[in-house]
Amino acid sequence: MFKAVIKMILFSLRVSCGLLLTACLFMPPAAQAAIEIIATRIWPAQDYTRLTLESKLAIRHNMFSVENPDRLVIDLEGVEPGEALNQLTSKIGEDDPYIKSVRVARFKPGVVRMVLDLKSQVKPQLFDLTPVGEYGYRLVLDVYPAKGHDAMMTLLDQDKPAAPEEILPAPNKQTPRTPHSESPEVAQLPTIKTPTAPTHPPKNQPEVRARTLIIAIDAGHGGEDPGARGGRGSHEKDVTLAIARRLCTLVNETPNMHGVLIRDGDYFIPLGGRVVKARQARADLFVSIHADAFIRPDAHGSSVFALSEHGATSTAARWLAKKENEADLIGGVNIAVKDPYLARTLLDLSQTATINDSIRLARHVLGELDNINDLHSGHVEQAGFAVLKSPDIPSILVETAFISNPSEEARLNDEGYQTKLANAVLGGIKRYFAQNPALSKQNIAQNY
């Protein structure tokens, strides 16, 4: 009898555990622990606007578009409204080219609906990023213009699902919105003032003649990818943009030269996209501006790099190239999109002559930098930098200084020193063209 009772108790326990396990497996999302959105960020730009939701767990999602008026609707499963998500509505600025406003509310149990009111028709891309660096899981929405062609825009043929039975109500017009500039996440960099230091190069620098020369100036990093950080809180992406803007101003003040900024704001551009934008501009030269960091704060000096097809010229160059090439992982690239236009550009690497020209340019720039700063390396280094892989444009990467060095970080944030750096790069460019006259570019941009 006693054994029979024990068997019945054990049987009941097994049944109870089985039922509990089944209930857990089939528990509806509303009953599970909600996923917390820990940060939201918005990066508006003329090329595209990026919206990022960061969380500790991956988010299941569904997106569709609605017309008349144009809207994007994104359903987030297993997410509960919270402070970070609610703050997103105040981060949309009036100057955003594509997004008018964002509304967030619970749509049904276990589902939060996010509605983006648009200023025009768009081509959206929604994709996931796994944790990397300081970031957790990220759900990224890139909003591209529906018409027109840009290196950042991949033309997508998306079928629009039927509109749902319900959309979130329009926001209360009397509800005040936080001004765009008050959000530290989307604060715009200040307009660069006219440099107070002399903008004209010394008289012994050679003059540039003949046709207008186009210089593509690339400010490294941007948006989700801050680059290196200094001990005083400086971000590489801000310093490089400030120097790039000053260099562009000086180039445009030089007769027969025109500067083109690859990035003119705080937003992310993939490494290959920077190459494509330079080719679309029919650039004669490509100069990528950076300010690196190292594990030791005493590391200092300027360096200039060119592309190598056959391995790096030093361990340091190999390490730096690997670090810079990881920018796409940090900044966030939609790897599901295959862009044959970009692939064709980057696979055309029969570029020995272009690399040789890049090395000549780098030597001239390095010589000019030697006049205003110590050199970390006294010769041009080479490695497999993805951003330098244009097959027909001499391209260099300039490490202006180490942002991890306290004294160099202070100089990198000084307007006068930024102008000195820009003048040094321009001086090297002018010396290069004085010895290597530019050829006609009439055929470079065909088929693009």
Protein backbone atom coordinates (compact mmCIF):
# COMPACT_ATOMS: atom_id res chain seq x y z
CA MET A 1 0.00 0.00 0.00
CA PHE A 2 2.77 2.38 0.99
CA LYS A 3 4.61 1.74 -2.28
CA ALA A 4 1.45 2.40 -4.26
CA VAL A 5 1.02 5.78 -2.55
CA ILE A 6 4.61 6.71 -3.31
CA LYS A 7 4.13 5.76 -6.97
CA MET A 8 1.01 7.90 -7.19
CA ILE A 9 2.82 10.89 -5.66
CA LEU A 10 5.78 10.54 -8.08
CA PHE A 11 3.39 10.18 -11.01
CA SER A 12 1.54 13.32 -9.94
CA LEU A 13 4.81 15.23 -9.64
CA ARG A 14 5.88 14.13 -13.12
CA VAL A 15 2.55 15.20 -14.58
CA SER A 16 2.70 18.54 -12.78
CA CYS A 17 6.26 19.23 -13.96
CA GLY A 18 5.31 18.29 -17.50
CA LEU A 19 2.33 20.60 -17.47
CA LEU A 20 4.45 23.42 -16.03
CA LEU A 21 7.13 22.91 -18.67
CA THR A 22 4.52 22.88 -21.43
CA ALA A 23 2.98 26.06 -20.07
CA CYS A 24 6.37 27.77 -20.07
CA LEU A 25 7.12 26.66 -23.62
CA PHE A 26 3.81 27.93 -24.94
CA MET A 27 3.53 30.96 -22.72
CA PRO A 28 2.36 33.99 -24.74
CA PRO A 29 4.83 36.87 -25.13
CA ALA A 30 2.81 39.09 -22.80
CA ALA A 31 3.44 36.70 -19.91
CA GLN A 32 7.18 36.50 -20.49
CA ALA A 33 9.71 38.97 -19.11
CA ALA A 34 9.63 42.09 -21.26
CA ILE A 35 12.69 43.11 -23.28
CA GLU A 36 14.02 46.46 -22.16
CA ILE A 37 15.12 49.07 -24.67
CA ILE A 38 18.22 50.52 -23.00
CA ALA A 39 19.01 53.26 -25.54
CA THR A 40 17.58 54.93 -28.64
CA ARG A 41 19.57 57.02 -31.09
CA ILE A 42 18.75 58.97 -34.25
CA TRP A 43 21.28 60.04 -36.89
CA PRO A 44 19.72 62.34 -39.54
CA ALA A 45 21.62 63.12 -42.75
CA GLN A 46 20.89 64.05 -46.36
CA ASP A 47 22.02 60.59 -47.53
CA TYR A 48 19.75 58.75 -45.11
CA THR A 49 18.43 58.79 -41.55
CA ARG A 50 19.35 56.00 -39.15
CA LEU A 51 17.29 55.07 -36.11
CA THR A 52 18.74 52.61 -33.58
CA LEU A 53 17.11 50.68 -30.73
CA GLU A 54 19.58 49.01 -28.37
CA SER A 55 18.61 46.19 -26.00
CA LYS A 56 20.11 43.36 -23.99
CA LEU A 57 18.21 40.74 -25.99
CA ALA A 58 17.37 40.47 -29.67
CA ILE A 59 13.95 41.84 -30.63
CA ARG A 60 11.48 40.09 -32.91
CA HIS A 61 9.94 42.63 -35.23
CA ASN A 62 7.73 43.24 -38.23
CA MET A 63 7.65 46.28 -40.51
CA PHE A 64 5.21 47.50 -43.16
CA SER A 65 4.42 50.80 -44.83
CA VAL A 66 1.19 52.75 -45.17
CA GLU A 67 0.34 55.44 -47.71
CA ASN A 68 -1.83 58.58 -47.66
CA PRO A 69 -0.13 59.83 -45.58
CA ASP A 70 3.21 58.02 -45.82
CA ARG A 71 4.10 56.09 -42.69
CA LEU A 72 6.34 53.25 -41.55
CA VAL A 73 4.97 50.90 -38.92
CA ILE A 74 7.23 48.63 -36.85
CA ASP A 75 5.84 46.12 -34.36
CA LEU A 76 8.23 45.14 -31.56
CA GLU A 77 7.37 41.81 -29.93
CA GLY A 78 8.02 41.17 -26.26
CA VAL A 79 8.87 44.82 -25.62
CA GLU A 80 7.24 47.08 -23.06
CA PRO A 81 7.21 50.89 -23.37
CA GLY A 82 9.92 52.41 -21.21
CA GLU A 83 11.80 55.64 -20.66
CA ALA A 84 14.35 55.13 -23.44
CA LEU A 85 11.71 54.21 -26.01
CA ASN A 86 9.40 57.03 -24.97
CA GLN A 87 12.24 59.54 -25.29
CA LEU A 88 12.62 58.65 -28.96
CA THR A 89 9.62 60.80 -29.86
CA SER A 90 11.49 63.95 -28.76
CA LYS A 91 14.63 63.12 -30.71
CA ILE A 92 13.19 63.71 -34.18
CA GLY A 93 14.27 67.16 -35.32
CA GLU A 94 12.42 69.41 -37.73
CA ASP A 95 15.48 69.33 -39.98
CA ASP A 96 15.32 65.56 -40.48
CA PRO A 97 15.00 65.09 -44.27
CA TYR A 98 12.76 62.03 -44.11
CA ILE A 99 11.06 61.54 -40.73
CA LYS A 100 8.42 63.99 -39.53
CA SER A 101 7.65 62.41 -36.15
CA VAL A 102 7.60 59.12 -34.24
CA ARG A 103 4.79 57.69 -32.09
CA VAL A 104 5.19 54.77 -29.70
CA ALA A 105 2.46 52.92 -27.76
CA ARG A 106 1.30 49.45 -26.75
CA PHE A 107 -0.57 47.97 -29.71
CA LYS A 108 -1.72 44.75 -28.03
CA PRO A 109 -0.46 42.55 -25.19
CA GLY A 110 3.20 41.79 -25.74
CA VAL A 111 3.56 44.10 -28.76
CA VAL A 112 4.70 47.73 -28.91
CA ARG A 113 3.95 49.59 -32.12
CA MET A 114 6.23 52.34 -33.43
CA VAL A 115 4.84 54.56 -36.19
CA LEU A 116 7.08 56.91 -38.18
CA ASP A 117 5.28 59.75 -39.93
CA LEU A 118 7.25 60.49 -43.08
CA LYS A 119 7.89 63.63 -45.10
CA SER A 120 7.96 61.69 -48.39
CA GLN A 121 8.08 58.17 -49.76
CA VAL A 122 11.16 56.25 -48.66
CA LYS A 123 13.07 52.99 -49.12
CA PRO A 124 13.53 51.55 -45.61
CA GLN A 125 15.92 48.85 -44.44
CA LEU A 126 15.37 47.19 -41.05
CA PHE A 127 18.00 44.77 -39.76
CA ASP A 128 19.56 43.32 -36.60
CA LEU A 129 23.09 43.72 -35.28
CA THR A 130 24.61 41.38 -32.72
CA PRO A 131 26.60 42.76 -29.76
CA VAL A 132 29.98 44.29 -30.61
CA GLY A 133 32.27 46.60 -28.67
CA GLU A 134 30.27 48.60 -26.15
CA TYR A 135 26.95 47.91 -27.88
CA GLY A 136 24.37 45.27 -27.05
CA TYR A 137 21.83 43.97 -29.57
CA ARG A 138 20.74 46.67 -31.99
CA LEU A 139 17.68 46.93 -34.20
CA VAL A 140 18.58 49.40 -36.95
CA LEU A 141 16.25 51.24 -39.32
CA ASP A 142 17.84 53.04 -42.26
CA VAL A 143 15.48 55.38 -44.11
CA TYR A 144 16.66 56.19 -47.65
CA PRO A 145 14.99 58.44 -50.22
CA ALA A 146 12.65 56.54 -52.53
CA LYS A 147 13.98 58.26 -55.64
CA GLY A 148 17.43 59.33 -56.70
CA HIS A 149 20.77 57.53 -56.54
CA ASP A 150 23.32 57.68 -53.78
CA ALA A 151 26.20 55.48 -52.70
CA MET A 152 24.42 54.82 -49.42
CA MET A 153 21.10 53.79 -50.97
CA THR A 154 20.42 50.26 -52.14
CA LEU A 155 17.39 50.06 -54.39
CA LEU A 156 14.97 47.62 -52.83
CA ASP A 157 11.89 46.14 -54.42
CA GLN A 158 9.66 45.63 -51.44
CA ASP A 159 6.08 44.45 -51.68
CA LYS A 160 3.88 46.42 -49.31
CA PRO A 161 1.71 44.19 -47.07
CA ALA A 162 -1.88 45.13 -46.59
CA ALA A 163 -2.47 47.97 -44.15
CA PRO A 164 -3.44 46.81 -40.66
CA GLU A 165 -6.81 47.39 -39.12
CA GLU A 166 -5.43 49.95 -36.71
CA ILE A 167 -2.64 52.50 -36.49
CA LEU A 168 -1.65 54.49 -33.43
CA PRO A 169 -3.61 57.71 -33.00
CA ALA A 170 -2.05 60.97 -34.12
CA PRO A 171 -0.09 62.80 -31.42
CA ASN A 172 -1.76 65.54 -29.42
CA LYS A 173 -0.81 68.79 -31.11
CA GLN A 174 -0.74 70.57 -27.78
CA THR A 175 1.85 68.20 -26.32
CA PRO A 176 5.14 70.09 -26.21
CA ARG A 177 8.12 68.40 -27.83
CA THR A 178 11.66 68.68 -26.61
CA PRO A 179 13.70 70.69 -29.12
CA HIS A 180 15.99 68.58 -31.29
CA SER A 181 19.11 70.35 -30.07
CA GLU A 182 18.41 69.56 -26.42
CA SER A 183 18.99 65.83 -26.87
CA PRO A 184 22.63 64.95 -26.16
CA GLU A 185 22.30 61.84 -28.31
CA VAL A 186 21.69 63.86 -31.47
CA ALA A 187 23.46 67.11 -30.74
CA GLN A 188 24.78 68.57 -33.95
CA LEU A 189 28.40 69.56 -34.21
CA PRO A 190 28.88 73.33 -34.17
CA THR A 191 29.48 75.09 -37.43
CA ILE A 192 33.19 75.49 -37.98
CA LYS A 193 34.16 79.13 -37.65
CA THR A 194 36.40 80.82 -40.16
CA PRO A 195 39.93 79.82 -39.13
CA THR A 196 41.81 82.58 -37.36
CA ALA A 197 45.19 81.23 -38.38
CA PRO A 198 46.57 82.13 -41.83
CA THR A 199 44.80 80.06 -44.44
CA HIS A 200 47.27 80.64 -47.27
CA PRO A 201 50.21 78.23 -47.50
CA PRO A 202 53.79 79.49 -47.39
CA LYS A 203 55.15 81.06 -50.55
CA ASN A 204 57.60 78.21 -51.15
CA GLN A 205 54.75 75.76 -51.76
CA PRO A 206 54.17 75.04 -55.47
CA GLU A 207 51.12 76.45 -57.22
CA VAL A 208 48.51 74.21 -58.83
CA ARG A 209 47.54 74.90 -62.43
CA ALA A 210 45.42 73.44 -65.23
CA ARG A 211 41.92 72.01 -64.71
CA THR A 212 39.99 71.97 -61.45
CA LEU A 213 41.22 69.16 -59.22
CA ILE A 214 38.68 67.39 -57.04
CA ILE A 215 39.83 66.33 -53.57
CA ALA A 216 37.61 63.87 -51.67
CA ILE A 217 38.04 64.48 -47.94
CA ASP A 218 36.85 61.67 -45.68
CA ALA A 219 36.26 62.30 -41.97
CA GLY A 220 36.79 58.92 -40.33
CA HIS A 221 34.05 57.15 -38.34
CA GLY A 222 30.72 58.84 -37.47
CA GLY A 223 27.27 58.12 -36.11
CA GLU A 224 27.09 54.75 -34.35
CA ASP A 225 30.87 54.43 -34.79
CA PRO A 226 32.57 57.03 -32.54
CA GLY A 227 36.09 55.85 -33.31
CA ALA A 228 38.80 56.24 -30.68
CA ARG A 229 38.18 58.11 -27.42
CA GLY A 230 40.51 60.45 -25.59
CA GLY A 231 41.00 60.59 -21.86
CA ARG A 232 39.19 63.94 -21.73
CA GLY A 233 36.16 62.55 -23.50
CA SER A 234 36.97 63.56 -27.08
CA HIS A 235 35.58 61.34 -29.83
CA GLU A 236 37.62 60.67 -32.94
CA LYS A 237 34.57 61.17 -35.16
CA ASP A 238 34.18 64.79 -33.94
CA VAL A 239 37.86 65.70 -34.29
CA THR A 240 38.16 64.20 -37.77
CA LEU A 241 35.06 66.05 -38.98
CA ALA A 242 36.38 69.36 -37.66
CA ILE A 243 39.74 68.88 -39.42
CA ALA A 244 38.07 67.64 -42.61
CA ARG A 245 35.85 70.72 -42.75
CA ARG A 246 38.85 73.01 -42.32
CA LEU A 247 40.77 71.16 -45.02
CA CYS A 248 37.79 71.42 -47.36
CA THR A 249 37.62 75.19 -46.74
CA LEU A 250 41.32 75.58 -47.54
CA VAL A 251 41.05 73.42 -50.66
CA ASN A 252 38.13 75.50 -51.93
CA GLU A 253 40.16 78.67 -51.36
CA THR A 254 42.93 77.27 -53.57
CA PRO A 255 42.67 78.14 -57.30
CA ASN A 256 41.79 75.19 -59.52
CA MET A 257 40.84 72.98 -56.57
CA HIS A 258 37.51 71.80 -55.24
CA GLY A 259 36.95 69.88 -52.01
CA VAL A 260 34.20 67.29 -51.49
CA LEU A 261 33.35 66.12 -47.97
CA ILE A 262 32.48 62.42 -47.91
CA ARG A 263 30.84 62.90 -44.50
CA ASP A 264 29.55 66.35 -43.47
CA GLY A 265 27.72 65.42 -40.28
CA ASP A 266 27.53 62.95 -37.43
CA TYR A 267 26.32 59.85 -39.25
CA PHE A 268 27.76 56.51 -40.31
CA ILE A 269 28.98 55.62 -43.80
CA PRO A 270 30.28 52.10 -44.55
CA LEU A 271 33.90 51.91 -45.64
CA GLY A 272 33.01 50.76 -49.14
CA GLY A 273 30.37 53.49 -49.39
CA ARG A 274 33.09 56.10 -48.85
CA VAL A 275 35.02 54.71 -51.80
CA VAL A 276 31.92 54.79 -53.98
CA LYS A 277 31.07 58.39 -53.02
CA ALA A 278 34.60 59.49 -53.97
CA ARG A 279 34.28 57.81 -57.37
CA GLN A 280 30.87 59.35 -57.93
CA ALA A 281 32.45 62.74 -57.28
CA ARG A 282 35.14 61.89 -59.89
CA ALA A 283 37.78 62.70 -57.32
CA ASP A 284 41.44 63.05 -58.25
CA LEU A 285 42.58 62.22 -54.72
CA PHE A 286 41.06 60.63 -51.62
CA VAL A 287 42.27 61.69 -48.15
CA SER A 288 40.86 59.93 -45.06
CA ILE A 289 41.39 61.82 -41.78
CA HIS A 290 41.82 59.91 -38.49
CA ALA A 291 43.09 60.36 -34.92
CA ASP A 292 44.01 57.00 -33.45
CA ALA A 293 44.36 55.68 -29.91
CA PHE A 294 46.79 53.24 -28.35
CA ILE A 295 46.95 51.28 -25.11
CA ARG A 296 49.82 53.47 -23.88
CA PRO A 297 49.08 57.19 -23.38
CA ASP A 298 52.65 58.15 -24.31
CA ALA A 299 52.22 57.00 -27.93
CA HIS A 300 52.39 60.12 -30.09
CA GLY A 301 53.07 61.50 -33.55
CA SER A 302 51.56 61.61 -37.03
CA SER A 303 51.53 58.83 -39.64
CA VAL A 304 50.39 58.45 -43.24
CA PHE A 305 49.25 55.16 -44.76
CA ALA A 306 48.64 53.80 -48.27
CA LEU A 307 47.03 50.57 -49.44
CA SER A 308 48.96 47.32 -49.68
CA GLU A 309 47.85 44.34 -51.74
CA HIS A 310 50.52 42.06 -50.32
CA GLY A 311 50.43 42.42 -46.55
CA ALA A 312 51.26 45.17 -44.09
CA THR A 313 54.66 46.83 -43.91
CA SER A 314 54.74 46.52 -40.12
CA THR A 315 52.91 44.91 -37.22
CA ALA A 316 51.60 48.32 -36.19
CA ALA A 317 50.21 48.97 -39.68
CA ARG A 318 48.53 45.55 -39.72
CA TRP A 319 47.00 46.19 -36.29
CA LEU A 320 45.72 49.63 -37.30
CA ALA A 321 44.22 48.37 -40.57
CA LYS A 322 42.41 45.59 -38.72
CA LYS A 323 41.07 48.10 -36.21
CA GLU A 324 39.92 50.58 -38.87
CA ASN A 325 38.36 47.84 -41.00
CA GLU A 326 36.19 46.85 -38.03
CA ALA A 327 34.38 50.19 -38.34
CA ASP A 328 31.63 48.51 -40.36
CA LEU A 329 30.95 46.09 -37.49
CA ILE A 330 30.64 48.91 -34.99
CA GLY A 331 28.86 51.38 -37.24
CA GLY A 332 26.45 48.70 -38.45
CA VAL A 333 26.14 47.40 -42.01
CA ASN A 334 23.17 45.45 -43.31
CA ILE A 335 25.05 42.35 -44.47
CA ALA A 336 21.86 40.87 -45.94
CA VAL A 337 21.93 43.46 -48.74
CA LYS A 338 24.15 42.54 -51.65
CA ASP A 339 25.05 45.63 -53.64
CA PRO A 340 26.57 44.60 -57.00
CA TYR A 341 27.51 48.22 -57.73
CA LEU A 342 29.68 48.39 -54.62
CA ALA A 343 31.03 44.87 -55.14
CA ARG A 344 32.13 45.71 -58.68
CA THR A 345 33.96 48.75 -57.44
CA LEU A 346 35.87 47.04 -54.64
CA LEU A 347 36.77 43.87 -56.54
CA ASP A 348 38.57 45.83 -59.23
CA LEU A 349 41.94 45.77 -57.51
CA SER A 350 44.33 45.76 -60.46
CA GLN A 351 45.68 49.00 -59.08
CA THR A 352 49.46 48.85 -58.82
CA ALA A 353 49.83 52.22 -60.52
CA THR A 354 47.24 53.78 -58.21
CA ILE A 355 49.05 52.44 -55.13
CA ASN A 356 52.34 53.86 -56.38
CA ASP A 357 50.70 57.27 -56.80
CA SER A 358 49.19 56.92 -53.33
CA ILE A 359 52.65 56.34 -51.85
CA ARG A 360 54.00 59.43 -53.61
CA LEU A 361 51.13 61.51 -52.24
CA ALA A 362 51.61 60.05 -48.77
CA ARG A 363 55.33 60.97 -48.78
CA HIS A 364 54.56 64.60 -49.58
CA VAL A 365 51.89 64.82 -46.88
CA LEU A 366 54.14 63.10 -44.33
CA GLY A 367 56.89 65.62 -45.10
CA GLU A 368 54.54 68.54 -44.44
CA LEU A 369 53.24 67.00 -41.19
CA ASP A 370 56.85 66.70 -40.02
CA ASN A 371 56.94 70.51 -39.89
CA ILE A 372 54.16 70.75 -37.27
CA ASN A 373 54.30 67.49 -35.29
CA ASP A 374 56.56 64.57 -34.43
CA LEU A 375 56.22 61.63 -36.78
CA HIS A 376 55.17 58.32 -35.27
CA SER A 377 56.70 56.66 -38.31
CA GLY A 378 59.26 58.40 -40.50
CA HIS A 379 58.16 56.58 -43.64
CA VAL A 380 54.91 55.77 -45.39
CA GLU A 381 53.28 52.60 -44.02
CA GLN A 382 51.06 50.24 -46.02
CA ALA A 383 48.31 47.80 -45.05
CA GLY A 384 44.97 46.48 -46.33
CA PHE A 385 42.75 49.43 -45.41
CA ALA A 386 39.29 48.87 -46.92
CA VAL A 387 38.66 52.61 -47.23
CA LEU A 388 41.69 53.01 -49.53
CA LYS A 389 40.62 50.40 -52.09
CA SER A 390 39.61 52.68 -54.94
CA PRO A 391 41.10 51.19 -58.12
CA ASP A 392 41.63 54.52 -59.87
CA ILE A 393 42.00 57.24 -57.19
CA PRO A 394 45.26 57.72 -55.29
CA SER A 395 44.15 57.31 -51.66
CA ILE A 396 45.83 57.89 -48.30
CA LEU A 397 44.87 57.62 -44.65
CA VAL A 398 46.29 60.32 -42.35
CA GLU A 399 46.60 59.59 -38.64
CA THR A 400 46.88 63.21 -37.53
CA ALA A 401 47.85 62.39 -33.92
CA PHE A 402 47.02 60.07 -31.02
CA ILE A 403 43.80 61.11 -29.33
CA SER A 404 44.80 58.81 -26.45
CA ASN A 405 47.80 61.03 -25.71
CA PRO A 406 46.66 63.84 -23.33
CA SER A 407 48.77 66.59 -24.93
CA GLU A 408 47.89 65.56 -28.48
CA GLU A 409 44.21 65.27 -27.55
CA ALA A 410 44.32 68.90 -26.36
CA ARG A 411 45.96 70.04 -29.61
CA LEU A 412 43.48 68.08 -31.74
CA ASN A 413 40.65 70.08 -30.14
CA ASP A 414 42.41 73.43 -30.73
CA GLU A 415 41.08 75.32 -33.76
CA GLY A 416 44.47 76.82 -34.58
CA TYR A 417 46.17 73.42 -34.54
CA GLN A 418 43.37 71.90 -36.63
CA THR A 419 44.09 74.56 -39.23
CA LYS A 420 47.83 73.77 -39.11
CA LEU A 421 47.03 70.12 -39.76
CA ALA A 422 44.75 71.02 -42.65
CA ASN A 423 47.40 73.32 -44.15
CA ALA A 424 50.02 70.57 -43.88
CA VAL A 425 47.81 68.08 -45.73
CA LEU A 426 47.02 70.68 -48.39
CA GLY A 427 50.73 71.47 -48.77
CA GLY A 428 51.45 67.80 -49.42
CA ILE A 429 48.63 67.62 -51.96
CA LYS A 430 49.97 70.63 -53.85
CA ARG A 431 53.50 69.26 -53.92
CA TYR A 432 52.18 65.96 -55.25
CA PHE A 433 50.29 67.61 -58.11
CA ALA A 434 53.29 69.81 -58.94
CA GLN A 435 55.29 66.65 -59.66
CA ASN A 436 52.42 64.46 -60.90
CA PRO A 437 50.10 66.46 -63.18
CA ALA A 438 46.54 65.13 -63.10
CA LEU A 439 45.25 63.43 -66.22
CA SER A 440 41.85 63.94 -67.78
CA LYS A 441 39.06 62.38 -65.74
CA GLN A 442 36.53 62.28 -68.58
CA ASN A 443 36.31 58.49 -68.64
CA ILE A 444 36.58 57.73 -64.92
CA ALA A 445 32.90 58.15 -64.08
CA GLN A 446 31.41 56.43 -67.11
CA ASN A 447 28.81 53.84 -66.25
CA TYR A 448 28.38 55.39 -62.80
